[in-house]
N, C-alpha and C. Protein backbone atom coordinates (compact mmCIF):
# COMPACT_ATOMS: atom_id res chain seq x y z
N MET A 1 130.17 133.18 152.53
CA MET A 1 131.29 133.65 153.30
C MET A 1 132.43 132.65 153.17
N LYS A 2 133.57 133.11 152.73
CA LYS A 2 134.68 132.20 152.49
C LYS A 2 135.41 131.85 153.77
N SER A 3 135.78 132.83 154.56
CA SER A 3 136.47 132.57 155.82
C SER A 3 136.30 133.76 156.73
N SER A 4 136.67 133.56 157.98
CA SER A 4 136.56 134.62 158.97
C SER A 4 137.40 135.83 158.55
N LYS A 5 138.63 135.56 158.13
CA LYS A 5 139.53 136.63 157.73
C LYS A 5 138.94 137.41 156.55
N TYR A 6 138.43 136.68 155.57
CA TYR A 6 137.84 137.34 154.41
C TYR A 6 136.67 138.24 154.81
N SER A 7 135.77 137.71 155.62
CA SER A 7 134.59 138.47 155.99
C SER A 7 134.94 139.68 156.85
N TYR A 8 135.85 139.51 157.81
CA TYR A 8 136.23 140.62 158.68
C TYR A 8 136.88 141.73 157.86
N HIS A 9 137.79 141.38 156.98
CA HIS A 9 138.44 142.40 156.16
C HIS A 9 137.47 143.03 155.17
N ALA A 10 136.53 142.24 154.68
CA ALA A 10 135.49 142.80 153.81
C ALA A 10 134.63 143.79 154.58
N ASP A 11 134.31 143.45 155.84
CA ASP A 11 133.53 144.37 156.68
C ASP A 11 134.28 145.68 156.86
N LEU A 12 135.55 145.60 157.23
CA LEU A 12 136.33 146.82 157.48
C LEU A 12 136.51 147.65 156.21
N LYS A 13 136.67 146.98 155.07
CA LYS A 13 136.83 147.72 153.81
C LYS A 13 135.62 148.59 153.52
N ARG A 14 134.43 148.12 153.90
CA ARG A 14 133.21 148.91 153.68
C ARG A 14 133.25 150.24 154.43
N TYR A 15 133.98 150.29 155.56
CA TYR A 15 134.08 151.51 156.34
C TYR A 15 135.15 152.45 155.80
N ASN A 16 135.90 152.02 154.79
CA ASN A 16 136.92 152.83 154.15
C ASN A 16 137.94 153.35 155.16
N GLY A 17 138.26 152.52 156.16
CA GLY A 17 139.24 152.89 157.16
C GLY A 17 138.72 153.80 158.25
N ASN A 18 137.44 154.12 158.24
CA ASN A 18 136.88 155.05 159.22
C ASN A 18 136.01 154.39 160.28
N ALA A 19 136.14 153.09 160.48
CA ALA A 19 135.35 152.40 161.50
C ALA A 19 135.89 152.77 162.88
N ASP A 20 134.99 153.16 163.77
CA ASP A 20 135.44 153.48 165.12
C ASP A 20 135.81 152.19 165.86
N THR A 21 136.44 152.34 167.00
CA THR A 21 136.93 151.20 167.76
C THR A 21 135.79 150.27 168.14
N TYR A 22 134.64 150.81 168.50
CA TYR A 22 133.51 149.98 168.90
C TYR A 22 133.11 149.03 167.76
N ILE A 23 132.96 149.57 166.57
CA ILE A 23 132.56 148.76 165.42
C ILE A 23 133.64 147.73 165.09
N ARG A 24 134.90 148.13 165.12
CA ARG A 24 135.97 147.18 164.83
C ARG A 24 135.92 145.98 165.78
N ILE A 25 135.76 146.24 167.07
CA ILE A 25 135.71 145.16 168.05
C ILE A 25 134.46 144.32 167.84
N TRP A 26 133.32 144.97 167.59
CA TRP A 26 132.07 144.23 167.38
C TRP A 26 132.18 143.30 166.17
N LEU A 27 132.69 143.81 165.06
CA LEU A 27 132.85 142.99 163.86
C LEU A 27 133.81 141.82 164.10
N TYR A 28 134.91 142.11 164.79
CA TYR A 28 135.89 141.07 165.07
C TYR A 28 135.26 139.96 165.92
N LEU A 29 134.55 140.34 166.99
CA LEU A 29 133.93 139.34 167.85
C LEU A 29 132.85 138.56 167.10
N TYR A 30 132.05 139.25 166.27
CA TYR A 30 131.02 138.56 165.51
C TYR A 30 131.63 137.49 164.60
N ARG A 31 132.64 137.86 163.83
CA ARG A 31 133.25 136.91 162.91
C ARG A 31 133.95 135.78 163.65
N LYS A 32 134.58 136.08 164.79
CA LYS A 32 135.21 135.02 165.59
C LYS A 32 134.17 134.04 166.10
N CYS A 33 133.02 134.54 166.54
CA CYS A 33 131.94 133.65 167.01
C CYS A 33 131.46 132.74 165.89
N CYS A 34 131.42 133.25 164.70
CA CYS A 34 130.92 132.47 163.56
C CYS A 34 131.88 131.37 163.13
N TYR A 35 133.18 131.59 163.29
CA TYR A 35 134.15 130.68 162.70
C TYR A 35 135.03 129.92 163.67
N CYS A 36 135.04 130.29 164.94
CA CYS A 36 135.90 129.62 165.91
C CYS A 36 135.40 128.20 166.16
N LYS A 37 136.27 127.22 166.01
CA LYS A 37 135.90 125.81 166.16
C LYS A 37 136.19 125.27 167.56
N THR A 38 137.00 125.96 168.35
CA THR A 38 137.33 125.52 169.70
C THR A 38 136.20 125.88 170.65
N PRO A 39 135.54 124.91 171.27
CA PRO A 39 134.36 125.19 172.09
C PRO A 39 134.56 126.22 173.20
N ILE A 40 135.68 126.11 173.92
CA ILE A 40 135.91 127.05 175.03
C ILE A 40 136.12 128.46 174.49
N LEU A 41 136.95 128.61 173.48
CA LEU A 41 137.17 129.93 172.88
C LEU A 41 135.89 130.49 172.28
N ASN A 42 135.13 129.63 171.63
CA ASN A 42 133.87 130.07 171.02
C ASN A 42 132.93 130.61 172.09
N THR A 43 132.84 129.93 173.23
CA THR A 43 132.00 130.40 174.33
C THR A 43 132.48 131.74 174.84
N LEU A 44 133.78 131.91 175.00
CA LEU A 44 134.32 133.19 175.45
C LEU A 44 134.02 134.31 174.45
N TYR A 45 134.20 134.01 173.17
CA TYR A 45 133.88 135.00 172.14
C TYR A 45 132.40 135.39 172.19
N LYS A 46 131.53 134.40 172.36
CA LYS A 46 130.09 134.69 172.41
C LYS A 46 129.71 135.54 173.62
N VAL A 47 130.31 135.27 174.77
CA VAL A 47 130.04 136.08 175.96
C VAL A 47 130.53 137.51 175.73
N ALA A 48 131.74 137.66 175.21
CA ALA A 48 132.27 139.00 174.93
C ALA A 48 131.41 139.72 173.89
N PHE A 49 130.99 138.98 172.86
CA PHE A 49 130.14 139.57 171.81
C PHE A 49 128.83 140.07 172.40
N ARG A 50 128.19 139.26 173.24
CA ARG A 50 126.90 139.65 173.83
C ARG A 50 127.06 140.87 174.72
N LEU A 51 128.11 140.90 175.55
CA LEU A 51 128.35 142.07 176.42
C LEU A 51 128.61 143.32 175.58
N TRP A 52 129.43 143.17 174.54
CA TRP A 52 129.76 144.31 173.68
C TRP A 52 128.52 144.79 172.92
N SER A 53 127.70 143.86 172.45
CA SER A 53 126.48 144.22 171.72
C SER A 53 125.48 144.95 172.61
N ASN A 54 125.35 144.50 173.84
CA ASN A 54 124.39 145.11 174.77
C ASN A 54 124.71 146.56 175.10
N ARG A 55 125.95 146.96 174.93
CA ARG A 55 126.34 148.35 175.22
C ARG A 55 125.58 149.34 174.35
N ARG A 56 125.20 148.93 173.15
CA ARG A 56 124.49 149.82 172.23
C ARG A 56 123.14 149.28 171.79
N GLY A 57 122.68 148.24 172.44
CA GLY A 57 121.36 147.72 172.11
C GLY A 57 121.29 146.98 170.79
N LEU A 58 122.38 146.33 170.42
CA LEU A 58 122.39 145.54 169.18
C LEU A 58 121.93 144.12 169.50
N GLU A 59 120.75 143.78 169.02
CA GLU A 59 120.23 142.43 169.22
C GLU A 59 120.45 141.65 167.93
N ILE A 60 121.65 141.15 167.80
CA ILE A 60 122.04 140.37 166.63
C ILE A 60 122.69 139.10 167.13
N SER A 61 122.21 137.97 166.67
CA SER A 61 122.71 136.68 167.13
C SER A 61 123.94 136.27 166.34
N THR A 62 124.78 135.48 166.99
CA THR A 62 125.96 134.95 166.29
C THR A 62 125.58 133.84 165.33
N THR A 63 124.31 133.41 165.36
CA THR A 63 123.87 132.39 164.42
C THR A 63 123.34 132.99 163.12
N ASN A 64 123.21 134.31 163.06
CA ASN A 64 122.75 134.97 161.84
C ASN A 64 123.77 134.77 160.72
N PRO A 65 123.34 134.24 159.58
CA PRO A 65 124.26 134.22 158.44
C PRO A 65 124.28 135.60 157.78
N ILE A 66 125.35 136.33 158.05
CA ILE A 66 125.51 137.68 157.49
C ILE A 66 126.70 137.65 156.56
N GLY A 67 126.49 138.03 155.31
CA GLY A 67 127.56 138.03 154.33
C GLY A 67 128.63 139.06 154.64
N GLY A 68 129.79 138.90 154.04
CA GLY A 68 130.89 139.84 154.23
C GLY A 68 130.53 141.23 153.73
N GLY A 69 131.14 142.22 154.34
CA GLY A 69 130.91 143.59 153.93
C GLY A 69 129.72 144.24 154.60
N ILE A 70 129.32 143.75 155.77
CA ILE A 70 128.20 144.38 156.49
C ILE A 70 128.64 145.77 156.95
N TYR A 71 127.75 146.73 156.84
CA TYR A 71 128.03 148.09 157.30
C TYR A 71 126.90 148.49 158.24
N ILE A 72 127.25 148.76 159.49
CA ILE A 72 126.26 149.17 160.46
C ILE A 72 126.51 150.64 160.77
N GLY A 73 125.64 151.49 160.23
CA GLY A 73 125.77 152.92 160.45
C GLY A 73 124.99 153.32 161.69
N HIS A 74 125.60 154.12 162.55
CA HIS A 74 124.95 154.55 163.79
C HIS A 74 124.48 153.32 164.56
N ALA A 75 125.40 152.57 165.07
CA ALA A 75 125.13 151.24 165.64
C ALA A 75 124.42 151.32 166.99
N TYR A 76 123.14 151.66 166.95
CA TYR A 76 122.33 151.70 168.16
C TYR A 76 120.97 151.07 167.87
N ASN A 77 120.46 150.29 168.82
CA ASN A 77 119.09 149.78 168.81
C ASN A 77 118.69 149.08 167.50
N ILE A 78 119.49 148.15 167.09
CA ILE A 78 119.20 147.36 165.90
C ILE A 78 118.80 145.96 166.35
N THR A 79 117.68 145.46 165.84
CA THR A 79 117.20 144.13 166.20
C THR A 79 117.07 143.29 164.94
N ILE A 80 117.75 142.15 164.93
CA ILE A 80 117.68 141.24 163.79
C ILE A 80 117.35 139.85 164.32
N ASN A 81 116.28 139.25 163.81
CA ASN A 81 115.87 137.92 164.20
C ASN A 81 117.00 136.94 163.92
N GLN A 82 117.18 135.98 164.81
CA GLN A 82 118.29 135.04 164.66
C GLN A 82 118.20 134.15 163.43
N ASN A 83 117.02 134.05 162.81
CA ASN A 83 116.86 133.22 161.62
C ASN A 83 116.93 134.02 160.32
N ALA A 84 116.98 135.34 160.42
CA ALA A 84 117.03 136.18 159.23
C ALA A 84 118.35 135.94 158.49
N ILE A 85 118.29 135.99 157.17
CA ILE A 85 119.46 135.80 156.34
C ILE A 85 119.78 137.13 155.67
N ILE A 86 121.03 137.56 155.80
CA ILE A 86 121.44 138.86 155.25
C ILE A 86 122.60 138.64 154.29
N GLY A 87 122.48 139.18 153.09
CA GLY A 87 123.49 139.00 152.05
C GLY A 87 124.72 139.87 152.25
N ARG A 88 125.53 139.95 151.22
CA ARG A 88 126.80 140.69 151.26
C ARG A 88 126.59 142.16 150.97
N ASN A 89 127.48 142.96 151.54
CA ASN A 89 127.55 144.40 151.28
C ASN A 89 126.24 145.12 151.59
N CYS A 90 125.65 144.82 152.74
CA CYS A 90 124.41 145.46 153.15
C CYS A 90 124.69 146.55 154.18
N ASN A 91 123.92 147.63 154.11
CA ASN A 91 123.98 148.70 155.10
C ASN A 91 122.75 148.62 155.99
N ILE A 92 122.96 148.64 157.29
CA ILE A 92 121.86 148.61 158.25
C ILE A 92 122.07 149.78 159.20
N HIS A 93 121.03 150.58 159.38
CA HIS A 93 121.15 151.80 160.18
C HIS A 93 120.36 151.74 161.47
N LYS A 94 120.53 152.74 162.27
CA LYS A 94 119.94 152.84 163.61
C LYS A 94 118.44 152.55 163.62
N GLY A 95 118.01 151.78 164.62
CA GLY A 95 116.59 151.53 164.83
C GLY A 95 115.95 150.52 163.90
N VAL A 96 116.72 149.84 163.08
CA VAL A 96 116.17 148.87 162.13
C VAL A 96 115.71 147.61 162.87
N VAL A 97 114.57 147.10 162.45
CA VAL A 97 114.06 145.82 162.95
C VAL A 97 113.88 144.88 161.77
N ILE A 98 114.52 143.73 161.86
CA ILE A 98 114.35 142.67 160.87
C ILE A 98 113.79 141.50 161.66
N GLY A 99 112.46 141.34 161.58
CA GLY A 99 111.80 140.45 162.52
C GLY A 99 110.96 139.36 161.89
N GLN A 100 110.51 138.50 162.75
CA GLN A 100 109.72 137.33 162.39
C GLN A 100 108.24 137.62 162.57
N ALA A 101 107.42 137.10 161.66
CA ALA A 101 105.97 137.13 161.82
C ALA A 101 105.54 135.75 162.31
N ASN A 102 104.66 135.72 163.29
CA ASN A 102 104.27 134.45 163.90
C ASN A 102 102.94 133.90 163.41
N ARG A 103 102.25 134.63 162.54
CA ARG A 103 100.96 134.14 162.02
C ARG A 103 100.69 134.75 160.66
N GLY A 104 99.69 134.22 160.00
CA GLY A 104 99.31 134.75 158.70
C GLY A 104 100.10 134.17 157.56
N SER A 105 99.85 134.71 156.38
CA SER A 105 100.48 134.17 155.17
C SER A 105 101.98 134.46 155.11
N ARG A 106 102.45 135.42 155.85
CA ARG A 106 103.87 135.78 155.87
C ARG A 106 104.59 135.26 157.11
N LYS A 107 104.08 134.19 157.70
CA LYS A 107 104.70 133.61 158.88
C LYS A 107 106.12 133.17 158.54
N GLY A 108 107.09 133.65 159.30
CA GLY A 108 108.49 133.30 159.06
C GLY A 108 109.39 134.51 159.23
N PHE A 109 110.55 134.44 158.61
CA PHE A 109 111.56 135.49 158.78
C PHE A 109 112.11 135.92 157.42
N PRO A 110 112.69 137.13 157.35
CA PRO A 110 113.15 137.70 156.08
C PRO A 110 114.45 137.09 155.54
N THR A 111 114.57 137.17 154.23
CA THR A 111 115.82 136.88 153.53
C THR A 111 116.18 138.13 152.74
N ILE A 112 117.35 138.66 152.99
CA ILE A 112 117.77 139.92 152.38
C ILE A 112 118.93 139.65 151.44
N GLY A 113 118.84 140.17 150.24
CA GLY A 113 119.86 139.94 149.21
C GLY A 113 121.11 140.78 149.40
N ASP A 114 121.91 140.87 148.35
CA ASP A 114 123.17 141.62 148.36
C ASP A 114 122.93 143.09 148.01
N ARG A 115 123.80 143.95 148.52
CA ARG A 115 123.77 145.40 148.24
C ARG A 115 122.40 146.01 148.57
N VAL A 116 121.96 145.79 149.80
CA VAL A 116 120.70 146.36 150.26
C VAL A 116 121.00 147.44 151.29
N TRP A 117 120.39 148.59 151.12
CA TRP A 117 120.53 149.72 152.04
C TRP A 117 119.23 149.85 152.81
N ILE A 118 119.30 149.71 154.15
CA ILE A 118 118.11 149.76 155.00
C ILE A 118 118.21 151.01 155.87
N GLY A 119 117.30 151.95 155.66
CA GLY A 119 117.35 153.24 156.34
C GLY A 119 116.92 153.20 157.79
N ILE A 120 117.14 154.31 158.46
CA ILE A 120 116.86 154.46 159.88
C ILE A 120 115.40 154.15 160.19
N ASN A 121 115.18 153.40 161.27
CA ASN A 121 113.86 153.05 161.81
C ASN A 121 112.97 152.27 160.84
N SER A 122 113.55 151.57 159.91
CA SER A 122 112.76 150.73 159.01
C SER A 122 112.50 149.38 159.65
N ALA A 123 111.43 148.73 159.21
CA ALA A 123 111.10 147.40 159.71
C ALA A 123 110.84 146.47 158.53
N ILE A 124 111.44 145.30 158.58
CA ILE A 124 111.22 144.25 157.59
C ILE A 124 110.72 143.05 158.38
N VAL A 125 109.49 142.64 158.11
CA VAL A 125 108.85 141.64 158.97
C VAL A 125 108.23 140.52 158.13
N GLY A 126 108.42 139.30 158.58
CA GLY A 126 107.75 138.15 157.98
C GLY A 126 108.61 137.42 156.97
N ASN A 127 108.03 136.40 156.38
CA ASN A 127 108.70 135.58 155.39
C ASN A 127 108.69 136.31 154.05
N VAL A 128 109.58 137.28 153.94
CA VAL A 128 109.68 138.07 152.71
C VAL A 128 111.09 137.94 152.16
N THR A 129 111.21 138.15 150.88
CA THR A 129 112.51 138.13 150.22
C THR A 129 112.78 139.51 149.64
N ILE A 130 113.90 140.07 150.03
CA ILE A 130 114.34 141.36 149.51
C ILE A 130 115.42 141.05 148.47
N GLY A 131 115.23 141.49 147.26
CA GLY A 131 116.18 141.20 146.18
C GLY A 131 117.50 141.94 146.34
N ASP A 132 118.36 141.81 145.35
CA ASP A 132 119.64 142.51 145.33
C ASP A 132 119.44 143.95 144.87
N ASP A 133 120.35 144.83 145.32
CA ASP A 133 120.34 146.23 144.90
C ASP A 133 118.99 146.90 145.22
N VAL A 134 118.63 146.87 146.49
CA VAL A 134 117.37 147.46 146.94
C VAL A 134 117.66 148.52 147.98
N MET A 135 117.00 149.66 147.85
CA MET A 135 117.09 150.72 148.85
C MET A 135 115.76 150.79 149.59
N ILE A 136 115.81 150.66 150.92
CA ILE A 136 114.63 150.77 151.75
C ILE A 136 114.76 152.10 152.50
N ALA A 137 113.89 153.03 152.19
CA ALA A 137 113.97 154.39 152.75
C ALA A 137 113.72 154.37 154.26
N PRO A 138 114.19 155.38 154.97
CA PRO A 138 113.93 155.47 156.41
C PRO A 138 112.44 155.44 156.72
N ASN A 139 112.11 154.86 157.87
CA ASN A 139 110.74 154.76 158.39
C ASN A 139 109.80 153.95 157.50
N SER A 140 110.32 153.00 156.76
CA SER A 140 109.48 152.16 155.90
C SER A 140 109.11 150.87 156.63
N PHE A 141 107.94 150.34 156.31
CA PHE A 141 107.50 149.05 156.85
C PHE A 141 107.35 148.11 155.67
N VAL A 142 108.15 147.03 155.66
CA VAL A 142 108.17 146.11 154.54
C VAL A 142 107.65 144.75 155.02
N ASN A 143 106.54 144.30 154.43
CA ASN A 143 106.03 142.96 154.73
C ASN A 143 105.58 142.25 153.45
N VAL A 144 106.18 142.63 152.33
CA VAL A 144 105.94 141.98 151.04
C VAL A 144 107.29 141.74 150.37
N ASP A 145 107.31 140.83 149.40
CA ASP A 145 108.53 140.57 148.65
C ASP A 145 108.90 141.79 147.83
N ILE A 146 110.20 142.08 147.76
CA ILE A 146 110.70 143.23 147.00
C ILE A 146 111.61 142.71 145.90
N PRO A 147 111.31 143.03 144.64
CA PRO A 147 112.18 142.57 143.55
C PRO A 147 113.51 143.32 143.55
N SER A 148 114.50 142.73 142.91
CA SER A 148 115.81 143.39 142.78
C SER A 148 115.66 144.71 142.04
N HIS A 149 116.61 145.61 142.29
CA HIS A 149 116.67 146.92 141.64
C HIS A 149 115.41 147.73 141.93
N SER A 150 115.15 147.96 143.22
CA SER A 150 113.95 148.70 143.62
C SER A 150 114.27 149.69 144.72
N VAL A 151 113.43 150.69 144.81
CA VAL A 151 113.43 151.64 145.92
C VAL A 151 112.09 151.45 146.63
N VAL A 152 112.14 151.34 147.96
CA VAL A 152 110.95 151.08 148.76
C VAL A 152 110.80 152.21 149.77
N PHE A 153 109.59 152.71 149.93
CA PHE A 153 109.37 153.76 150.92
C PHE A 153 107.94 153.71 151.43
N GLY A 154 107.75 154.20 152.67
CA GLY A 154 106.43 154.38 153.23
C GLY A 154 105.86 153.20 154.00
N ASN A 155 104.65 153.46 154.52
CA ASN A 155 103.87 152.45 155.24
C ASN A 155 102.41 152.67 154.90
N PRO A 156 101.80 151.80 154.09
CA PRO A 156 102.35 150.56 153.53
C PRO A 156 103.39 150.89 152.47
N CYS A 157 104.29 149.96 152.25
CA CYS A 157 105.44 150.25 151.39
C CYS A 157 105.02 150.40 149.92
N VAL A 158 105.66 151.35 149.30
CA VAL A 158 105.50 151.61 147.87
C VAL A 158 106.80 151.17 147.20
N ILE A 159 106.70 150.42 146.13
CA ILE A 159 107.87 149.87 145.45
C ILE A 159 108.00 150.53 144.08
N LYS A 160 109.16 151.09 143.82
CA LYS A 160 109.46 151.70 142.52
C LYS A 160 110.71 151.03 141.95
N HIS A 161 110.63 150.60 140.69
CA HIS A 161 111.79 150.01 140.02
C HIS A 161 112.81 151.11 139.72
N ARG A 162 114.09 150.80 139.97
CA ARG A 162 115.15 151.74 139.61
C ARG A 162 116.44 150.94 139.45
N ASP A 163 117.00 150.98 138.25
CA ASP A 163 118.29 150.34 138.04
C ASP A 163 119.33 151.05 138.90
N TRP A 164 120.25 150.29 139.45
CA TRP A 164 121.30 150.83 140.31
C TRP A 164 120.70 151.63 141.47
N ALA A 165 119.74 151.06 142.14
CA ALA A 165 119.03 151.75 143.22
C ALA A 165 119.93 152.18 144.36
N THR A 166 120.97 151.42 144.65
CA THR A 166 121.82 151.75 145.79
C THR A 166 123.12 152.45 145.40
N GLU A 167 123.23 152.83 144.14
CA GLU A 167 124.46 153.50 143.69
C GLU A 167 124.66 154.79 144.48
N GLY A 168 125.83 154.95 145.05
CA GLY A 168 126.11 156.11 145.87
C GLY A 168 125.75 155.94 147.34
N TYR A 169 125.01 154.89 147.65
CA TYR A 169 124.63 154.61 149.04
C TYR A 169 125.40 153.42 149.59
N VAL A 170 125.53 152.37 148.80
CA VAL A 170 126.31 151.21 149.20
C VAL A 170 127.66 151.35 148.52
N ASN A 171 128.65 151.86 149.27
CA ASN A 171 129.98 152.13 148.72
C ASN A 171 130.99 151.10 149.19
N ASN A 172 132.14 151.11 148.57
CA ASN A 172 133.27 150.24 148.94
C ASN A 172 132.86 148.77 148.93
N ILE A 173 132.18 148.37 147.89
CA ILE A 173 131.68 147.01 147.77
C ILE A 173 132.85 146.03 147.63
N VAL A 174 132.74 144.94 148.37
CA VAL A 174 133.75 143.89 148.32
C VAL A 174 133.15 142.70 147.58
N GLU A 175 133.70 142.35 146.45
CA GLU A 175 133.16 141.22 145.66
C GLU A 175 133.81 139.93 146.03
């Protein structure tokens, strides 16, 4: 992420000018929380961000490193672990859980690459790496590493290689 202005404008460009007021305010507050250096202002931004997020059940921390161009479709009931890393130009939809595993071989939190489309009610759990250009179908449970250029579906997840997996799904990409 280069700067707050860059990331915020990259986020809005992904919506192609059709972001509703709620999303515009949420994105603005998120980016301000990430980049504001003045302690008092930063605290005010964080309080406003938390109140605004709670209106729709968005459990996303201001400490999450989220790349520019995030697209949140149907912004309701999304939970993202505060340690999860999310790349640029990712789509996240309603009911998605990106969570931490507390035991086993996958203990930890996810790292998600660039141009990843995560469908409704999908879950990504544990210390897994999702490559670039990956489509995760709705209602999928992902607890294994996913290589770049893949389509993932089901529970347990099935991985199919496909070049340009997110073409037509991840639009208005900001480089």
